[in-house]
C-alpha cells in the first residue's frame, strides 16, 4: 500500500511572517494526518524559519529546486547538502514552470535527480504536457520523453526512492482540472513505464502525485483513483484550511 503524500508548493509567494504563520498552521494540525505524509515547500529564503515552525511535528520540509553540483562557483544556486543542512527531506525537480518558463531540460532534471538521490534527498520529479501537445494527441509521447530523460541511468533501487508528479501544464493555476479519466490514464501510463524499465515491484512502490488546480472540492475524486497517490498543490497550499482540506480527502 503506497502512503499518500500531500505536498504544498508555495512557489514565489509569502513573506517571512506569512510563511511562518502558514508553516505553523500546518504543523499544529499535522498530527491529524498520521496515515499520510504532509510536505511544505516554501521559497528558499524562508526554508529556515519554516523548518523552525514545523520542528517536532509530522510535517516535512522540501525545497522547490536545487543545482546538481555539490559546491563551487555557481552564483545563486543551492546544493543538495545545503538543503539537507537546513532541514529539507524533499526537493521538487523539473516543475513545469521551470521547464517551460526557465527552459530547464530533461538532462538538467536528470542531473539534479541523481545528485538529490546521492545526497539522501527525495526528489519529486515532475512531468506534464502543454495544452497544444494534448490537443495534438501527443500527451503519451511527451510523458514518455520526460520520464525517460529525467530518470535516465537510474537503477531500480534509485527509482524506488523517487516520487513522480504529473502536472498537465494547461491545468496549473488555470482553474482547469484534468478529468478523472485523463489524470488516471497518465498516472497508469507512468506506472507502466516504470514496470517496463524496471519491474512490477518498483512500479507498484513509486508514489505518483497529481498537480493541477487541486482543491478540497475536487481532491476526493482525484485521490480515489487507483494510481494517484497524492497531490502536488500550488495555490491551495497557501491557505491552511484548503491545504489540509485536500489532505483530509486523502485520508
C-alpha atoms as a PDB file:
ATOM      1  CA  UNK A   1       0.000   0.000   0.000  1.00  0.00           C
ATOM      2  CA  UNK A   2       1.520   3.307  -1.080  1.00  0.00           C
ATOM      3  CA  UNK A   3       1.453   6.004   1.593  1.00  0.00           C
ATOM      4  CA  UNK A   4      -0.247   9.169   0.293  1.00  0.00           C
ATOM      5  CA  UNK A   5       1.819  12.343   0.022  1.00  0.00           C
ATOM      6  CA  UNK A   6       0.215  15.777   0.092  1.00  0.00           C
ATOM      7  CA  UNK A   7       2.787  18.377  -0.909  1.00  0.00           C
ATOM      8  CA  UNK A   8       2.401  22.138  -0.907  1.00  0.00           C
ATOM      9  CA  UNK A   9       4.468  24.091  -3.450  1.00  0.00           C
ATOM     10  CA  UNK A  10       4.314  27.690  -2.278  1.00  0.00           C
ATOM     11  CA  UNK A  11       6.152  28.894  -5.415  1.00  0.00           C
ATOM     12  CA  UNK A  12       7.239  32.570  -5.266  1.00  0.00           C
ATOM     13  CA  UNK A  13       4.710  33.552  -2.605  1.00  0.00           C
ATOM     14  CA  UNK A  14       4.636  34.644   1.066  1.00  0.00           C
ATOM     15  CA  UNK A  15       6.898  36.890   3.076  1.00  0.00           C
ATOM     16  CA  UNK A  16       8.704  35.773   6.224  1.00  0.00           C
ATOM     17  CA  UNK A  17       5.780  36.427   8.562  1.00  0.00           C
ATOM     18  CA  UNK A  18       3.162  34.747   6.378  1.00  0.00           C
ATOM     19  CA  UNK A  19       5.484  31.819   5.656  1.00  0.00           C
ATOM     20  CA  UNK A  20       5.962  31.198   9.366  1.00  0.00           C
ATOM     21  CA  UNK A  21       2.236  31.560  10.004  1.00  0.00           C
ATOM     22  CA  UNK A  22       1.405  29.107   7.220  1.00  0.00           C
ATOM     23  CA  UNK A  23       4.002  26.564   8.355  1.00  0.00           C
ATOM     24  CA  UNK A  24       2.840  26.905  11.961  1.00  0.00           C
ATOM     25  CA  UNK A  25      -0.774  26.363  10.953  1.00  0.00           C
ATOM     26  CA  UNK A  26       0.089  23.169   9.097  1.00  0.00           C
ATOM     27  CA  UNK A  27       2.308  21.911  11.930  1.00  0.00           C
ATOM     28  CA  UNK A  28      -0.394  22.417  14.564  1.00  0.00           C
ATOM     29  CA  UNK A  29      -2.779  20.075  12.779  1.00  0.00           C
ATOM     30  CA  UNK A  30      -0.312  17.669  11.194  1.00  0.00           C
ATOM     31  CA  UNK A  31      -0.948  15.017  13.842  1.00  0.00           C
ATOM     32  CA  UNK A  32      -4.486  14.635  12.455  1.00  0.00           C
ATOM     33  CA  UNK A  33      -2.997  13.054   9.326  1.00  0.00           C
ATOM     34  CA  UNK A  34      -0.855  10.242  10.695  1.00  0.00           C
ATOM     35  CA  UNK A  35      -1.753   7.923   7.811  1.00  0.00           C
ATOM     36  CA  UNK A  36      -0.214  10.166   5.149  1.00  0.00           C
ATOM     37  CA  UNK A  37       2.808  12.412   4.597  1.00  0.00           C
ATOM     38  CA  UNK A  38       2.463  16.191   4.669  1.00  0.00           C
ATOM     39  CA  UNK A  39       5.073  18.339   2.960  1.00  0.00           C
ATOM     40  CA  UNK A  40       5.564  22.090   2.653  1.00  0.00           C
ATOM     41  CA  UNK A  41       7.930  23.637   0.091  1.00  0.00           C
ATOM     42  CA  UNK A  42       8.475  27.333   0.854  1.00  0.00           C
ATOM     43  CA  UNK A  43      10.652  29.738  -1.119  1.00  0.00           C
ATOM     44  CA  UNK A  44      14.326  29.092  -0.418  1.00  0.00           C
ATOM     45  CA  UNK A  45      14.802  32.241   1.678  1.00  0.00           C
ATOM     46  CA  UNK A  46      12.141  31.024   4.117  1.00  0.00           C
ATOM     47  CA  UNK A  47      13.268  27.412   4.486  1.00  0.00           C
ATOM     48  CA  UNK A  48      14.974  28.010   7.844  1.00  0.00           C
ATOM     49  CA  UNK A  49      12.092  29.820   9.587  1.00  0.00           C
ATOM     50  CA  UNK A  50       9.642  27.298   8.121  1.00  0.00           C
ATOM     51  CA  UNK A  51      11.800  24.451   9.418  1.00  0.00           C
ATOM     52  CA  UNK A  52      11.749  26.015  12.868  1.00  0.00           C
ATOM     53  CA  UNK A  53       7.964  26.409  12.690  1.00  0.00           C
ATOM     54  CA  UNK A  54       7.331  22.728  11.887  1.00  0.00           C
ATOM     55  CA  UNK A  55      10.029  21.300  14.185  1.00  0.00           C
ATOM     56  CA  UNK A  56       8.680  18.361  16.190  1.00  0.00           C
ATOM     57  CA  UNK A  57       5.574  17.998  14.021  1.00  0.00           C
ATOM     58  CA  UNK A  58       4.591  15.374  11.444  1.00  0.00           C
ATOM     59  CA  UNK A  59       5.099  17.871   8.595  1.00  0.00           C
ATOM     60  CA  UNK A  60       8.189  17.621   6.377  1.00  0.00           C
ATOM     61  CA  UNK A  61      10.162  20.336   4.605  1.00  0.00           C
ATOM     62  CA  UNK A  62      11.071  20.461   0.927  1.00  0.00           C
ATOM     63  CA  UNK A  63      12.750  22.848  -1.487  1.00  0.00           C
ATOM     64  CA  UNK A  64      11.462  23.967  -4.870  1.00  0.00           C
ATOM     65  CA  UNK A  65      14.701  23.397  -6.768  1.00  0.00           C
ATOM     66  CA  UNK A  66      18.434  22.669  -6.428  1.00  0.00           C
ATOM     67  CA  UNK A  67      21.599  22.513  -8.513  1.00  0.00           C
ATOM     68  CA  UNK A  68      23.357  19.272  -9.400  1.00  0.00           C
ATOM     69  CA  UNK A  69      26.877  20.255  -8.339  1.00  0.00           C
ATOM     70  CA  UNK A  70      27.988  19.737  -4.749  1.00  0.00           C
ATOM     71  CA  UNK A  71      29.631  23.163  -4.410  1.00  0.00           C
ATOM     72  CA  UNK A  72      31.616  25.734  -6.362  1.00  0.00           C
ATOM     73  CA  UNK A  73      31.287  28.911  -8.399  1.00  0.00           C
ATOM     74  CA  UNK A  74      27.587  28.646  -9.232  1.00  0.00           C
ATOM     75  CA  UNK A  75      26.182  32.007  -8.236  1.00  0.00           C
ATOM     76  CA  UNK A  76      22.629  31.921  -6.956  1.00  0.00           C
ATOM     77  CA  UNK A  77      22.359  28.136  -6.809  1.00  0.00           C
ATOM     78  CA  UNK A  78      21.752  25.793  -3.868  1.00  0.00           C
ATOM     79  CA  UNK A  79      23.223  22.328  -3.432  1.00  0.00           C
ATOM     80  CA  UNK A  80      21.596  19.205  -2.035  1.00  0.00           C
ATOM     81  CA  UNK A  81      23.879  19.390   1.003  1.00  0.00           C
ATOM     82  CA  UNK A  82      22.704  22.937   1.722  1.00  0.00           C
ATOM     83  CA  UNK A  83      19.077  21.841   1.569  1.00  0.00           C
ATOM     84  CA  UNK A  84      19.733  18.932   3.909  1.00  0.00           C
ATOM     85  CA  UNK A  85      21.603  21.264   6.249  1.00  0.00           C
ATOM     86  CA  UNK A  86      18.518  23.446   6.752  1.00  0.00           C
ATOM     87  CA  UNK A  87      16.190  20.501   7.299  1.00  0.00           C
ATOM     88  CA  UNK A  88      14.854  19.560   3.868  1.00  0.00           C
ATOM     89  CA  UNK A  89      13.771  15.983   3.202  1.00  0.00           C
ATOM     90  CA  UNK A  90      12.373  16.503  -0.310  1.00  0.00           C
ATOM     91  CA  UNK A  91      13.119  18.633  -3.354  1.00  0.00           C
ATOM     92  CA  UNK A  92      10.842  19.408  -6.328  1.00  0.00           C
ATOM     93  CA  UNK A  93      12.618  18.945  -9.666  1.00  0.00           C
ATOM     94  CA  UNK A  94      11.536  19.690 -13.227  1.00  0.00           C
ATOM     95  CA  UNK A  95       8.390  21.589 -12.287  1.00  0.00           C
ATOM     96  CA  UNK A  96       6.562  22.685 -15.419  1.00  0.00           C
ATOM     97  CA  UNK A  97       7.199  26.342 -14.654  1.00  0.00           C
ATOM     98  CA  UNK A  98      10.937  25.663 -14.588  1.00  0.00           C
ATOM     99  CA  UNK A  99      10.724  23.615 -17.776  1.00  0.00           C
ATOM    100  CA  UNK A 100       8.533  25.961 -19.797  1.00  0.00           C
ATOM    101  CA  UNK A 101       9.350  29.398 -18.371  1.00  0.00           C
ATOM    102  CA  UNK A 102      13.001  28.940 -17.411  1.00  0.00           C
ATOM    103  CA  UNK A 103      13.983  26.442 -20.113  1.00  0.00           C
ATOM    104  CA  UNK A 104      15.027  23.559 -17.874  1.00  0.00           C
ATOM    105  CA  UNK A 105      15.737  20.422 -19.895  1.00  0.00           C
ATOM    106  CA  UNK A 106      15.246  16.725 -19.170  1.00  0.00           C
ATOM    107  CA  UNK A 107      19.023  16.400 -18.999  1.00  0.00           C
ATOM    108  CA  UNK A 108      19.263  19.088 -16.323  1.00  0.00           C
ATOM    109  CA  UNK A 109      16.453  17.458 -14.346  1.00  0.00           C
ATOM    110  CA  UNK A 110      18.252  14.117 -14.640  1.00  0.00           C
ATOM    111  CA  UNK A 111      21.489  15.519 -13.215  1.00  0.00           C
ATOM    112  CA  UNK A 112      19.613  17.091 -10.327  1.00  0.00           C
ATOM    113  CA  UNK A 113      17.667  13.896  -9.656  1.00  0.00           C
ATOM    114  CA  UNK A 114      20.836  11.827  -9.412  1.00  0.00           C
ATOM    115  CA  UNK A 115      22.514  14.438  -7.194  1.00  0.00           C
ATOM    116  CA  UNK A 116      19.484  14.566  -4.904  1.00  0.00           C
ATOM    117  CA  UNK A 117      19.365  10.794  -4.548  1.00  0.00           C
ATOM    118  CA  UNK A 118      23.113  10.579  -3.927  1.00  0.00           C
ATOM    119  CA  UNK A 119      22.781  13.138  -1.135  1.00  0.00           C
ATOM    120  CA  UNK A 120      19.790  11.458   0.500  1.00  0.00           C
ATOM    121  CA  UNK A 121      17.034  13.832  -0.585  1.00  0.00           C
ATOM    122  CA  UNK A 122      13.748  12.540  -2.004  1.00  0.00           C
ATOM    123  CA  UNK A 123      13.236  14.105  -5.446  1.00  0.00           C
ATOM    124  CA  UNK A 124       9.713  14.870  -6.652  1.00  0.00           C
ATOM    125  CA  UNK A 125      10.241  14.694 -10.407  1.00  0.00           C
ATOM    126  CA  UNK A 126       7.543  16.481 -12.410  1.00  0.00           C
ATOM    127  CA  UNK A 127       6.297  15.697 -15.905  1.00  0.00           C
ATOM    128  CA  UNK A 128       3.429  17.108 -17.918  1.00  0.00           C
ATOM    129  CA  UNK A 129       2.248  18.262 -21.320  1.00  0.00           C
ATOM    130  CA  UNK A 130       1.201  21.677 -22.616  1.00  0.00           C
ATOM    131  CA  UNK A 131      -2.299  22.329 -23.964  1.00  0.00           C
ATOM    132  CA  UNK A 132      -1.166  22.282 -27.609  1.00  0.00           C
ATOM    133  CA  UNK A 133       0.532  18.924 -27.036  1.00  0.00           C
ATOM    134  CA  UNK A 134      -2.601  17.419 -25.506  1.00  0.00           C
ATOM    135  CA  UNK A 135      -4.804  18.767 -28.276  1.00  0.00           C
ATOM    136  CA  UNK A 136      -2.391  17.290 -30.838  1.00  0.00           C
ATOM    137  CA  UNK A 137      -2.659  13.880 -29.191  1.00  0.00           C
ATOM    138  CA  UNK A 138       0.986  13.959 -28.053  1.00  0.00           C
ATOM    139  CA  UNK A 139       0.472  13.538 -24.307  1.00  0.00           C
ATOM    140  CA  UNK A 140       1.807   9.971 -24.176  1.00  0.00           C
ATOM    141  CA  UNK A 141       4.883  10.895 -26.225  1.00  0.00           C
ATOM    142  CA  UNK A 142       5.671  13.923 -24.060  1.00  0.00           C
ATOM    143  CA  UNK A 143       5.272  11.990 -20.823  1.00  0.00           C
ATOM    144  CA  UNK A 144       7.476   9.160 -22.070  1.00  0.00           C
ATOM    145  CA  UNK A 145      10.183  11.567 -23.253  1.00  0.00           C
ATOM    146  CA  UNK A 146      10.247  13.467 -19.976  1.00  0.00           C
ATOM    147  CA  UNK A 147      10.142  10.254 -17.937  1.00  0.00           C
ATOM    148  CA  UNK A 148      12.977   8.628 -19.866  1.00  0.00           C
ATOM    149  CA  UNK A 149      15.114  11.766 -19.946  1.00  0.00           C
ATOM    150  CA  UNK A 150      14.588  12.803 -16.345  1.00  0.00           C
ATOM    151  CA  UNK A 151      15.216   9.306 -14.923  1.00  0.00           C
ATOM    152  CA  UNK A 152      17.983   8.279 -17.341  1.00  0.00           C
ATOM    153  CA  UNK A 153      20.562   5.997 -15.770  1.00  0.00           C
ATOM    154  CA  UNK A 154      18.668   5.372 -12.539  1.00  0.00           C
ATOM    155  CA  UNK A 155      18.745   1.866 -11.110  1.00  0.00           C
ATOM    156  CA  UNK A 156      15.592   0.175  -9.830  1.00  0.00           C
ATOM    157  CA  UNK A 157      16.720   0.939  -6.287  1.00  0.00           C
ATOM    158  CA  UNK A 158      17.187   4.618  -7.084  1.00  0.00           C
ATOM    159  CA  UNK A 159      13.878   4.833  -8.938  1.00  0.00           C
ATOM    160  CA  UNK A 160      12.160   3.378  -5.894  1.00  0.00           C
ATOM    161  CA  UNK A 161      13.223   6.453  -3.916  1.00  0.00           C
ATOM    162  CA  UNK A 162      11.760   8.913  -6.429  1.00  0.00           C
ATOM    163  CA  UNK A 163       8.310  10.495  -6.257  1.00  0.00           C
ATOM    164  CA  UNK A 164       6.764  11.340  -9.633  1.00  0.00           C
ATOM    165  CA  UNK A 165       4.260  14.128 -10.196  1.00  0.00           C
ATOM    166  CA  UNK A 166       2.020  14.509 -13.224  1.00  0.00           C
ATOM    167  CA  UNK A 167       1.253  18.148 -13.869  1.00  0.00           C
ATOM    168  CA  UNK A 168      -0.661  18.960 -17.039  1.00  0.00           C
ATOM    169  CA  UNK A 169       0.668  22.440 -17.787  1.00  0.00           C
ATOM    170  CA  UNK A 170      -2.714  23.580 -19.045  1.00  0.00           C
ATOM    171  CA  UNK A 171      -4.258  22.844 -15.630  1.00  0.00           C
ATOM    172  CA  UNK A 172      -1.749  24.665 -13.416  1.00  0.00           C
ATOM    173  CA  UNK A 173      -3.178  27.837 -11.933  1.00  0.00           C
ATOM    174  CA  UNK A 174      -5.879  27.988 -14.587  1.00  0.00           C
ATOM    175  CA  UNK A 175      -8.763  26.528 -12.615  1.00  0.00           C
ATOM    176  CA  UNK A 176      -8.953  23.734 -15.191  1.00  0.00           C
ATOM    177  CA  UNK A 177      -8.525  20.212 -13.897  1.00  0.00           C
ATOM    178  CA  UNK A 178      -7.831  17.069 -15.843  1.00  0.00           C
ATOM    179  CA  UNK A 179     -10.858  14.801 -15.831  1.00  0.00           C
ATOM    180  CA  UNK A 180     -10.629  11.713 -13.658  1.00  0.00           C
ATOM    181  CA  UNK A 181     -10.064   9.599 -16.758  1.00  0.00           C
ATOM    182  CA  UNK A 182      -7.366  11.931 -18.116  1.00  0.00           C
ATOM    183  CA  UNK A 183      -5.478  12.039 -14.827  1.00  0.00           C
ATOM    184  CA  UNK A 184      -5.729   8.316 -14.123  1.00  0.00           C
ATOM    185  CA  UNK A 185      -4.722   7.456 -17.689  1.00  0.00           C
ATOM    186  CA  UNK A 186      -1.420   9.337 -17.410  1.00  0.00           C
ATOM    187  CA  UNK A 187      -0.713   8.046 -13.900  1.00  0.00           C
ATOM    188  CA  UNK A 188      -1.313   4.481 -15.106  1.00  0.00           C
ATOM    189  CA  UNK A 189       0.954   5.133 -18.102  1.00  0.00           C
ATOM    190  CA  UNK A 190       3.733   6.345 -15.805  1.00  0.00           C
ATOM    191  CA  UNK A 191       3.391   3.217 -13.682  1.00  0.00           C
ATOM    192  CA  UNK A 192       3.541   1.121 -16.835  1.00  0.00           C
ATOM    193  CA  UNK A 193       6.738   2.921 -17.900  1.00  0.00           C
ATOM    194  CA  UNK A 194       8.252   2.123 -14.505  1.00  0.00           C
ATOM    195  CA  UNK A 195       7.324  -1.543 -14.895  1.00  0.00           C
ATOM    196  CA  UNK A 196       8.770  -1.668 -18.409  1.00  0.00           C
ATOM    197  CA  UNK A 197      12.067  -0.070 -17.405  1.00  0.00           C
ATOM    198  CA  UNK A 198      12.461  -1.760 -14.033  1.00  0.00           C
ATOM    199  CA  UNK A 199       9.979  -4.287 -12.692  1.00  0.00           C
ATOM    200  CA  UNK A 200       6.468  -4.552 -11.334  1.00  0.00           C
ATOM    201  CA  UNK A 201       7.641  -4.283  -7.729  1.00  0.00           C
ATOM    202  CA  UNK A 202       9.330  -0.957  -8.430  1.00  0.00           C
ATOM    203  CA  UNK A 203       6.318   0.283 -10.359  1.00  0.00           C
ATOM    204  CA  UNK A 204       3.960  -0.624  -7.546  1.00  0.00           C
ATOM    205  CA  UNK A 205       6.062   1.104  -4.893  1.00  0.00           C
ATOM    206  CA  UNK A 206       6.618   4.520  -6.506  1.00  0.00           C
ATOM    207  CA  UNK A 207       4.241   7.281  -5.476  1.00  0.00           C
ATOM    208  CA  UNK A 208       2.779   9.342  -8.321  1.00  0.00           C
ATOM    209  CA  UNK A 209       1.151  12.665  -7.441  1.00  0.00           C
ATOM    210  CA  UNK A 210      -1.304  14.754  -9.414  1.00  0.00           C
ATOM    211  CA  UNK A 211      -0.809  18.507  -9.693  1.00  0.00           C
ATOM    212  CA  UNK A 212      -3.054  20.980 -11.447  1.00  0.00           C
ATOM    213  CA  UNK A 213      -5.656  23.188  -9.705  1.00  0.00           C
ATOM    214  CA  UNK A 214      -6.317  20.658  -6.938  1.00  0.00           C
ATOM    215  CA  UNK A 215      -8.797  21.983  -4.361  1.00  0.00           C
ATOM    216  CA  UNK A 216     -10.683  20.479  -1.400  1.00  0.00           C
ATOM    217  CA  UNK A 217     -13.765  20.307  -3.636  1.00  0.00           C
ATOM    218  CA  UNK A 218     -12.178  18.062  -6.278  1.00  0.00           C
ATOM    219  CA  UNK A 219      -9.475  16.285  -4.268  1.00  0.00           C
ATOM    220  CA  UNK A 220     -11.639  13.405  -3.091  1.00  0.00           C
ATOM    221  CA  UNK A 221     -12.451  12.133  -6.575  1.00  0.00           C
ATOM    222  CA  UNK A 222      -8.919  12.635  -7.872  1.00  0.00           C
ATOM    223  CA  UNK A 223      -7.274  10.915  -4.923  1.00  0.00           C
ATOM    224  CA  UNK A 224      -9.663   7.981  -5.120  1.00  0.00           C
ATOM    225  CA  UNK A 225      -8.148   6.889  -8.433  1.00  0.00           C
ATOM    226  CA  UNK A 226      -6.044   3.717  -8.102  1.00  0.00           C
ATOM    227  CA  UNK A 227      -2.802   5.198  -9.469  1.00  0.00           C
ATOM    228  CA  UNK A 228      -2.994   8.670  -7.892  1.00  0.00           C
ATOM    229  CA  UNK A 229      -1.063   8.617  -4.622  1.00  0.00           C
ATOM    230  CA  UNK A 230      -1.347  12.214  -3.531  1.00  0.00           C
ATOM    231  CA  UNK A 231      -1.168  15.768  -4.784  1.00  0.00           C
ATOM    232  CA  UNK A 232       1.376  18.478  -5.544  1.00  0.00           C
ATOM    233  CA  UNK A 233      -0.587  21.594  -4.694  1.00  0.00           C
ATOM    234  CA  UNK A 234       0.093  25.176  -5.717  1.00  0.00           C
ATOM    235  CA  UNK A 235      -2.381  27.933  -4.899  1.00  0.00           C
ATOM    236  CA  UNK A 236      -4.469  25.903  -2.448  1.00  0.00           C
ATOM    237  CA  UNK A 237      -1.364  25.201  -0.351  1.00  0.00           C
ATOM    238  CA  UNK A 238      -1.185  28.883   0.616  1.00  0.00           C
ATOM    239  CA  UNK A 239      -4.193  28.541   2.933  1.00  0.00           C
ATOM    240  CA  UNK A 240      -4.004  26.127   5.835  1.00  0.00           C
ATOM    241  CA  UNK A 241      -7.656  25.100   5.639  1.00  0.00           C
ATOM    242  CA  UNK A 242      -7.516  24.455   1.892  1.00  0.00           C
ATOM    243  CA  UNK A 243      -4.248  22.515   2.095  1.00  0.00           C
ATOM    244  CA  UNK A 244      -5.419  20.356   4.971  1.00  0.00           C
ATOM    245  CA  UNK A 245      -8.842  20.017   3.363  1.00  0.00           C
ATOM    246  CA  UNK A 246      -7.104  18.280   0.466  1.00  0.00           C
ATOM    247  CA  UNK A 247      -5.157  16.145   2.945  1.00  0.00           C
ATOM    248  CA  UNK A 248      -8.442  15.180   4.601  1.00  0.00           C
ATOM    249  CA  UNK A 249      -9.718  13.955   1.242  1.00  0.00           C
ATOM    250  CA  UNK A 250      -6.757  11.569   1.076  1.00  0.00           C
ATOM    251  CA  UNK A 251      -7.442  10.024   4.485  1.00  0.00           C
END
